[in-house]
Protein backbone atom coordinates (compact mmCIF):
# COMPACT_ATOMS: atom_id res chain seq x y z
CA MET A 1 0.04 0.06 -0.04
CA THR A 2 1.30 3.48 -0.95
CA LEU A 3 1.16 5.98 1.89
CA PRO A 4 -0.05 9.46 1.27
CA PRO A 5 2.87 11.87 0.85
CA ASP A 6 1.45 13.94 3.80
CA SER A 7 0.69 11.27 6.05
CA PRO A 8 2.72 10.97 9.38
CA ASN A 9 3.97 7.49 8.54
CA SER A 10 5.24 8.59 5.16
CA ALA A 11 7.13 11.67 6.81
CA LEU A 12 8.51 9.24 9.45
CA ALA A 13 9.84 6.78 6.53
CA ASN A 14 11.40 9.70 4.88
CA LEU A 15 13.28 10.86 7.99
CA THR A 16 14.41 7.21 8.55
CA ARG A 17 15.64 7.08 5.06
CA GLU A 18 17.43 10.35 5.39
CA ASN A 19 18.83 9.41 8.84
CA GLU A 20 20.25 6.23 7.27
CA LEU A 21 21.70 8.27 4.40
CA LEU A 22 23.43 10.67 6.83
CA ARG A 23 24.61 7.92 9.01
CA ASP A 24 26.31 6.26 5.82
CA GLN A 25 27.78 9.66 5.02
CA TYR A 26 29.04 10.06 8.40
CA GLU A 27 30.67 6.46 8.53
CA ASP A 28 32.25 7.18 5.25
CA ALA A 29 33.73 10.55 6.54
CA LEU A 30 35.07 8.59 9.57
CA LEU A 31 36.75 6.10 7.11
CA ARG A 32 38.30 8.59 5.19
CA VAL A 33 39.65 10.50 8.25
CA GLU A 34 41.06 7.16 9.60
CA MET A 35 42.71 6.57 6.02
CA LEU A 36 44.17 10.05 6.11
CA GLU A 37 45.49 9.60 9.61
CA ARG A 38 47.15 6.19 8.56
CA ASP A 39 48.71 7.98 5.67
CA VAL A 40 49.98 10.63 7.58
CA GLU A 41 51.58 8.17 10.12
CA ALA A 42 52.98 6.14 7.24
CA LEU A 43 54.66 9.15 5.77
CA HIS A 44 56.00 10.07 9.28
CA ASP A 45 57.43 6.38 9.38
CA VAL A 46 59.58 7.07 6.27
CA GLY A 47 60.57 10.36 7.30
CA ILE A 48 58.12 12.54 5.58
CA TYR A 49 56.61 15.32 7.72
CA THR A 50 53.50 17.25 6.69
CA TYR A 51 53.33 20.56 8.37
CA ARG A 52 50.14 21.42 10.21
CA HIS A 53 50.87 25.08 10.21
CA PRO A 54 53.36 26.01 7.33
CA LEU A 55 55.48 28.86 8.20
CA GLU A 56 58.67 30.11 6.44
CA ALA A 57 61.20 29.92 9.26
CA ALA A 58 61.81 28.68 12.95
CA VAL A 59 61.73 32.08 14.22
CA ALA A 60 58.11 32.52 12.88
CA TYR A 61 56.90 29.47 14.89
CA GLN A 62 58.64 30.96 17.94
CA ASP A 63 56.44 34.07 17.54
CA ALA A 64 53.43 31.90 16.85
CA LEU A 65 54.05 29.86 19.96
CA ALA A 66 54.69 33.15 22.29
CA SER A 67 51.01 34.33 21.00
CA ILE A 68 49.78 30.99 21.79
CA LYS A 69 51.20 31.06 25.33
CA ALA A 70 49.89 34.48 25.75
CA GLU A 71 46.53 33.42 24.91
CA ILE A 72 46.69 30.39 27.28
CA LYS A 73 47.37 32.72 30.12
CA SER A 74 44.75 35.08 29.20
CA GLN A 75 42.05 32.26 28.91
CA ILE A 76 42.96 30.79 32.31
CA SER A 77 43.10 34.21 34.08
CA ASP A 78 39.62 34.98 32.75
CA GLY A 79 38.11 31.67 33.61
CA ARG A 80 37.69 30.62 30.14
CA ALA A 81 39.58 27.44 30.34
CA ILE A 82 36.91 25.44 32.17
CA GLN A 83 33.19 25.28 31.38
CA ALA A 84 31.35 24.77 34.65
CA SER A 85 27.82 24.96 35.67
CA THR A 86 26.67 27.98 37.58
CA ARG A 87 23.47 26.14 39.20
CA PHE A 88 25.42 23.63 41.31
CA THR A 89 24.63 23.84 45.02
CA PHE A 90 26.31 22.42 48.04
CA ASP A 91 24.49 22.00 51.34
CA ASN A 92 21.52 23.76 49.63
CA SER A 93 23.86 26.89 49.22
CA LEU A 94 24.58 28.21 45.81
CA ALA A 95 27.56 30.29 47.19
CA LYS A 96 29.15 26.99 48.52
CA GLY A 97 28.51 25.24 45.41
CA ARG A 98 30.19 27.94 43.48
CA LYS A 99 33.16 27.99 45.67
CA MET A 100 33.46 24.06 45.35
CA THR A 101 33.17 24.53 41.58
CA ALA A 102 36.02 27.02 41.65
CA ASP A 103 38.27 24.84 43.69
CA LEU A 104 37.69 21.86 41.55
CA ALA A 105 38.26 23.90 38.38
CA LYS A 106 41.85 24.79 39.74
CA LEU A 107 42.54 21.03 40.39
CA MET A 108 41.15 20.04 36.85
CA LEU A 109 42.87 22.63 35.15
CA ARG A 110 46.18 21.69 37.06
CA ALA A 111 45.76 18.21 36.07
CA TYR A 112 44.95 19.14 32.36
CA ASN A 113 47.72 21.71 32.10
CA ALA A 114 50.37 19.23 33.51
CA GLU A 115 49.46 16.54 30.81
CA ALA A 116 49.55 19.18 28.23
CA GLU A 117 53.01 20.41 29.39
CA ASN A 118 54.27 16.92 29.19
CA CYS A 119 52.83 16.42 25.69
CA VAL A 120 54.52 19.67 24.42
CA ARG A 121 57.87 18.67 26.33
CA TYR A 122 58.00 15.36 24.43
CA VAL A 123 56.19 15.85 21.08
CA LYS A 124 58.30 15.02 18.07
CA ALA A 125 57.47 15.23 14.40
CA GLY A 126 56.60 11.58 14.30
CA ASN A 127 54.51 11.12 17.45
CA LEU A 128 52.29 14.08 17.06
CA PRO A 129 49.10 12.18 16.58
CA ALA A 130 49.86 9.99 19.64
CA ALA A 131 50.40 13.27 21.56
CA GLU A 132 47.01 14.55 20.47
CA LYS A 133 45.20 11.50 21.33
CA ARG A 134 46.79 11.58 24.94
CA LEU A 135 45.80 15.22 25.42
CA ALA A 136 42.03 14.43 24.26
CA ALA A 137 42.00 11.31 26.56
CA ALA A 138 43.10 13.63 29.41
CA ALA A 139 40.22 16.17 28.67
CA THR A 140 37.62 13.21 28.31
CA SER A 141 38.92 11.76 31.67
CA ILE A 142 38.77 14.98 33.52
CA ALA A 143 35.32 15.73 32.27
CA ARG A 144 34.01 12.22 33.26
CA TYR A 145 35.08 12.82 36.76
CA ALA A 146 33.29 16.39 37.02
CA SER A 147 30.33 15.08 35.27
CA MET A 148 27.98 15.42 38.03
CA MET A 149 29.14 19.12 38.34
CA GLU A 150 28.79 19.68 34.58
CA MET A 151 32.32 20.66 34.45
CA HIS A 152 34.87 20.19 31.40
CA ILE A 153 37.84 21.67 29.66
CA SER A 154 36.45 24.22 27.30
CA GLU A 155 36.61 23.37 23.73
CA ASP A 156 38.41 26.58 22.85
CA TYR A 157 41.02 26.11 25.51
CA HIS A 158 41.63 22.32 24.44
CA ALA A 159 41.90 23.53 20.73
CA LEU A 160 44.38 26.07 21.72
CA ARG A 161 46.64 23.52 23.41
CA VAL A 162 46.30 21.22 20.47
CA ARG A 163 47.40 23.98 18.23
CA GLU A 164 50.45 24.52 20.67
CA LEU A 165 51.17 20.87 20.19
CA GLU A 166 51.15 21.09 16.37
CA LEU A 167 53.17 24.30 16.33
CA THR A 168 55.73 22.88 18.64
CA ALA A 169 56.11 19.64 16.27
CA ASP A 170 56.29 22.00 13.21
CA TYR A 171 58.96 24.05 14.90
CA GLN A 172 61.09 21.19 15.94
CA MET A 173 60.96 19.82 12.20
CA LYS A 174 61.77 23.19 10.84
CA VAL A 175 64.76 23.62 13.24
CA GLN A 176 65.92 20.24 11.92
CA GLU A 177 65.56 21.38 8.38
CA GLU A 178 67.27 24.51 8.82
CA LYS A 179 70.25 22.92 10.57
CA GLU A 180 70.40 20.41 7.64
CA GLU A 181 70.17 23.38 5.09
CA ALA A 182 72.87 25.23 7.07
CA ARG A 183 75.08 22.12 6.86
CA GLU A 184 74.75 21.63 3.26
CA GLU A 185 75.26 25.56 2.66
CA ARG A 186 78.59 25.23 4.64
CA ALA A 187 79.60 22.32 2.60
CA ARG A 188 78.51 24.18 -0.57
CA LEU A 189 80.56 27.29 0.47
CA ARG A 190 83.62 25.09 1.42
CA GLU A 191 83.57 23.39 -2.14
CA GLU A 192 83.33 27.06 -3.79
CA GLN A 193 86.17 28.25 -1.53
CA GLN A 194 88.31 25.11 -2.50
CA ALA A 195 87.57 25.74 -6.21
CA GLU A 196 88.51 29.56 -6.06
CA LYS A 197 91.59 28.39 -4.02
CA GLU A 198 92.86 26.00 -6.77
CA LEU A 199 92.00 28.36 -9.57
CA ARG A 200 94.12 31.08 -7.83
CA ALA A 201 96.95 28.56 -7.35
CA GLU A 202 96.70 27.41 -10.84
CA ARG A 203 96.82 31.07 -12.10
CA GLU A 204 99.99 31.74 -10.18
CA ARG A 205 101.60 28.66 -11.32
CA LEU A 206 100.83 29.65 -15.00
CA GLU A 207 102.19 33.11 -14.35
CA LYS A 208 105.39 31.62 -12.88
CA GLU A 209 105.77 29.28 -16.04
CA ARG A 210 105.07 32.13 -18.44
CA SER A 211 107.68 34.24 -16.81
CA HIS A 212 110.16 31.52 -17.07
CA TYR A 213 109.72 31.06 -20.71
CA ALA A 214 109.48 34.82 -21.41
CA ALA A 215 112.80 35.32 -19.67
CA VAL A 216 114.36 32.48 -21.75
CA LEU A 217 112.90 34.05 -24.88
CA ASP A 218 114.32 37.34 -24.00
CA ALA A 219 117.89 35.87 -23.37
CA LEU A 220 117.51 34.34 -27.06
CA SER A 221 116.41 37.34 -28.75
CA SER A 222 119.74 38.27 -30.08
CA SER A 223 121.13 34.71 -30.47
CA GLY A 224 119.64 34.07 -34.00
CA ARG A 225 118.21 30.57 -32.72
CA GLU A 226 114.83 31.12 -34.50
CA ASP A 227 113.67 27.50 -33.91
CA GLU A 228 113.98 27.64 -30.22
CA ARG A 229 112.49 31.22 -30.01
CA ASP A 230 109.43 30.09 -32.03
CA GLU A 231 109.00 27.14 -29.93
CA LEU A 232 109.14 29.22 -26.68
CA ALA A 233 106.67 31.74 -28.24
CA ALA A 234 104.23 28.97 -29.09
CA LYS A 235 104.40 27.60 -25.40
CA ILE A 236 103.90 31.13 -24.15
CA ALA A 237 100.75 31.46 -26.25
CA GLU A 238 99.47 28.18 -25.09
CA ILE A 239 99.99 29.49 -21.55
CA ASP A 240 98.13 32.70 -22.35
CA THR A 241 95.21 30.52 -23.32
CA ARG A 242 95.15 28.50 -20.36
CA ILE A 243 95.44 31.49 -18.13
CA ALA A 244 92.48 33.24 -20.07
CA GLU A 245 90.54 29.92 -19.49
CA ASN A 246 91.21 29.88 -15.83
CA ASP A 247 90.16 33.56 -15.52
CA TYR A 248 87.10 32.66 -17.35
CA ARG A 249 86.16 29.95 -14.90
CA THR A 250 87.13 32.22 -11.96
CA ALA A 251 84.81 34.82 -13.14
CA ASN A 252 81.98 32.65 -14.49
CA ILE A 253 80.41 30.95 -11.43
CA ARG A 254 78.02 28.79 -13.78
CA ALA A 255 81.12 26.94 -15.44
CA GLY A 256 82.31 23.62 -14.15
CA TYR A 257 81.88 19.94 -14.64
CA VAL A 258 78.64 18.13 -14.36
CA TYR A 259 79.35 14.56 -13.02
CA VAL A 260 77.44 11.26 -13.23
CA ILE A 261 78.62 8.78 -10.52
CA SER A 262 77.41 5.62 -9.00
CA ASN A 263 78.38 3.47 -6.00
CA VAL A 264 77.06 -0.17 -6.53
CA GLY A 265 78.82 -1.54 -3.47
CA SER A 266 77.13 1.06 -1.15
CA PHE A 267 73.74 1.88 -2.63
CA GLY A 268 73.34 -1.14 -5.11
CA PRO A 269 72.55 -1.03 -8.75
CA GLY A 270 70.13 1.37 -10.40
CA ILE A 271 71.04 4.49 -8.34
CA VAL A 272 73.17 7.29 -9.70
CA LYS A 273 74.35 10.63 -8.44
CA ILE A 274 74.14 14.01 -10.56
CA GLY A 275 75.90 16.76 -9.41
CA MET A 276 78.31 19.50 -10.42
CA THR A 277 81.61 21.01 -9.34
CA ARG A 278 83.87 24.04 -10.16
CA ARG A 279 86.74 22.26 -8.89
CA LEU A 280 89.90 22.53 -11.07
CA GLU A 281 90.18 18.87 -10.81
CA PRO A 282 86.86 17.34 -10.50
CA LEU A 283 87.95 13.82 -9.50
CA ASP A 284 89.24 15.45 -6.13
CA ARG A 285 85.29 16.18 -5.67
CA VAL A 286 84.41 12.67 -6.60
CA ARG A 287 86.95 11.26 -4.11
CA GLU A 288 85.76 13.43 -1.32
CA LEU A 289 82.22 12.09 -1.77
CA GLY A 290 83.58 8.43 -1.42
CA ASP A 291 85.27 9.15 1.92
CA ALA A 292 85.04 7.01 5.10
CA SER A 293 81.22 7.71 5.24
CA VAL A 294 80.58 4.97 2.57
CA PRO A 295 82.36 1.50 2.31
CA PHE A 296 83.37 1.84 -1.41
CA GLY A 297 84.51 4.65 -3.69
CA PHE A 298 82.23 6.00 -6.56
CA ASP A 299 82.67 4.95 -10.12
CA VAL A 300 82.68 7.90 -12.57
CA HIS A 301 80.49 7.62 -15.73
CA THR A 302 81.18 11.07 -17.03
CA LEU A 303 82.79 14.27 -16.27
CA PHE A 304 81.22 16.82 -18.56
CA PHE A 305 82.50 20.25 -18.83
CA SER A 306 80.20 23.10 -19.65
CA ASP A 307 80.14 26.84 -19.68
CA ASP A 308 76.66 26.48 -18.02
CA ALA A 309 77.24 23.51 -15.89
CA VAL A 310 74.59 24.83 -13.28
CA GLY A 311 72.01 24.95 -16.23
CA VAL A 312 72.96 21.43 -17.47
CA GLU A 313 72.92 20.12 -13.97
CA THR A 314 69.34 21.58 -13.44
CA GLN A 315 67.95 20.30 -16.59
CA LEU A 316 69.08 16.81 -15.67
CA HIS A 317 67.67 16.88 -12.24
CA HIS A 318 64.25 18.04 -13.82
CA ALA A 319 64.51 15.12 -16.26
CA PHE A 320 64.71 12.67 -13.44
CA ALA A 321 62.60 14.56 -10.87
CA GLU A 322 60.09 11.58 -10.65
CA LYS A 323 62.98 9.36 -9.75
CA ARG A 324 64.64 11.10 -6.91
CA VAL A 325 65.73 8.74 -4.13
CA ASN A 326 65.04 11.54 -1.40
CA ARG A 327 61.72 13.43 -2.32
CA VAL A 328 61.88 15.78 0.42
CA ASN A 329 65.28 17.17 0.63
CA LEU A 330 65.99 18.14 -3.14
CA ARG A 331 69.76 18.79 -2.21
CA ARG A 332 70.25 14.87 -2.04
CA GLU A 333 71.30 14.50 -5.82
CA TYR A 334 70.68 10.55 -5.92
CA PHE A 335 68.22 9.15 -8.38
CA TYR A 336 66.74 5.54 -9.20
CA THR A 337 68.04 5.35 -12.70
CA THR A 338 70.87 3.88 -14.81
CA PRO A 339 73.99 5.49 -16.28
CA GLY A 340 72.60 4.59 -19.69
CA ASP A 341 69.31 6.71 -19.17
CA VAL A 342 71.42 9.71 -17.91
CA LYS A 343 73.71 9.43 -20.89
CA THR A 344 70.59 9.71 -23.14
CA ALA A 345 69.17 12.61 -21.28
CA LEU A 346 72.52 14.52 -21.35
CA ALA A 347 73.05 13.89 -24.89
CA GLU A 348 69.78 15.52 -25.63
CA ILE A 349 70.55 18.35 -23.40
CA ALA A 350 74.28 19.11 -24.29
CA GLY A 351 74.70 17.44 -27.59
CA ASN A 352 77.33 14.90 -28.37
CA LEU A 353 79.35 13.34 -25.59
CA LEU A 354 83.01 12.65 -26.04
CA GLU A 355 83.18 10.22 -23.33
CA PHE A 356 80.61 8.21 -21.27
CA ASN A 357 81.20 4.90 -19.42
CA GLU A 358 77.94 3.12 -18.78
CA TYR A 359 79.37 0.40 -16.83
CA ALA A 360 80.37 0.68 -13.28
CA ASP A 361 83.90 -1.02 -12.66
CA ALA A 362 83.29 -1.24 -8.65
CA ASP A 363 86.60 -2.89 -8.43
CA GLN A 364 86.98 -3.22 -4.72
CA TYR A 365 83.12 -4.36 -4.45
CA ARG A 366 83.59 -7.00 -6.91
CA ALA A 367 87.01 -8.00 -5.38
CA SER A 368 85.37 -8.17 -2.09
CA GLN A 369 82.35 -10.34 -3.33
CA LEU A 370 85.00 -12.66 -4.81
CA ILE A 371 86.84 -12.82 -1.57
CA ARG A 372 83.45 -13.69 0.36
CA SER A 373 82.57 -16.18 -2.13
CA SER A 374 85.94 -17.97 -1.91
CA GLU A 375 85.55 -18.05 1.95
CA LEU A 376 82.07 -19.45 1.70
CA ASP A 377 83.45 -22.24 -0.75
CA GLU A 378 86.30 -22.93 1.58
CA ALA A 379 84.13 -23.41 4.66
CA GLU A 380 81.65 -25.63 3.00
CA PRO A 381 83.66 -28.82 3.38
CA THR A 382 84.22 -28.17 6.90
CA ARG A 383 80.67 -27.72 7.48
CA ALA A 384 79.94 -31.00 5.48
CA ALA A 385 82.32 -32.84 7.86
CA VAL A 386 80.92 -31.63 10.83
CA SER A 387 77.51 -32.48 9.66
CA GLU A 388 78.55 -36.12 9.02
CA ILE A 389 80.19 -36.32 12.42
CA GLY A 390 76.89 -35.12 13.96
């Protein structure tokens, strides 16, 4: 039987369906929130942090936290931190009820603030969700104990302290980022200073060499030994060219070598580092990268000189942006790719390549593998003999 659209039963059925629809939407929203929280926690687990309140620098977070603390004090002094009923009576006395409410409010606020301060003190980038849950549980527990008097931590005050937690976690992460940036900037400056030092030393060496040949040429000016004089003049001209190149590299900060290197023994196959250096001898930079911090040295696939090495490096980084190993710190120049793929991209950017070695020699790594394999082979008969005895 079809109910009239204006009948009470029809209206109730419509409300029931609307309630079910809203309930389904609510459950879907809860599921999406839960999935987002899992995603955030997963990102935290792999070292990726999502700022709740993105600000430019740690100083800005300090200012924001100072403002939060001032607001916290203001809400406490104004009595806005605790919501309490004004109708509670004790011994049939409203005045006694208010006094008891005020005394209990102090105890509640002290307990809540102690928990909030502990959360702020120990919160880190990775445990922010846990700290927020802990603080929310404290507010719920305190409200339950004072439910008879209709008292609870105010929503505004709790939101303020949650924001303080978020800003504290953001601040700590920003401080770490700025420290890392400062370390890398110092390393970059050391690299630049070393390059400038080498270029100055090279110019001094070339000038001394030129002076020597020029003095010999002057001494032969009246000797009539034209062949020797022509040879010396050619050497001086060559030195002049090298001095000009050296001066150009000193003046042009974009000139240098783009290097493509790998370290199979340390990082495995399929990972390359793409960087640039202004050093006079680029292999010095490669050797520094393969210092005691990694078990094996790097293999060089190419050292490509360019008047705009900065631009070439940037184009290569853009070409392999989706294959970055570290997607957060873009100063880490490692990529999930092969030397052959980089060779193809570099050829498209820079034109013909005179030299590019796609194969990684990895001599020490391969020799170590052979030694390890040999030791295992030698140990196998001993293990077999022990097994037979057993």
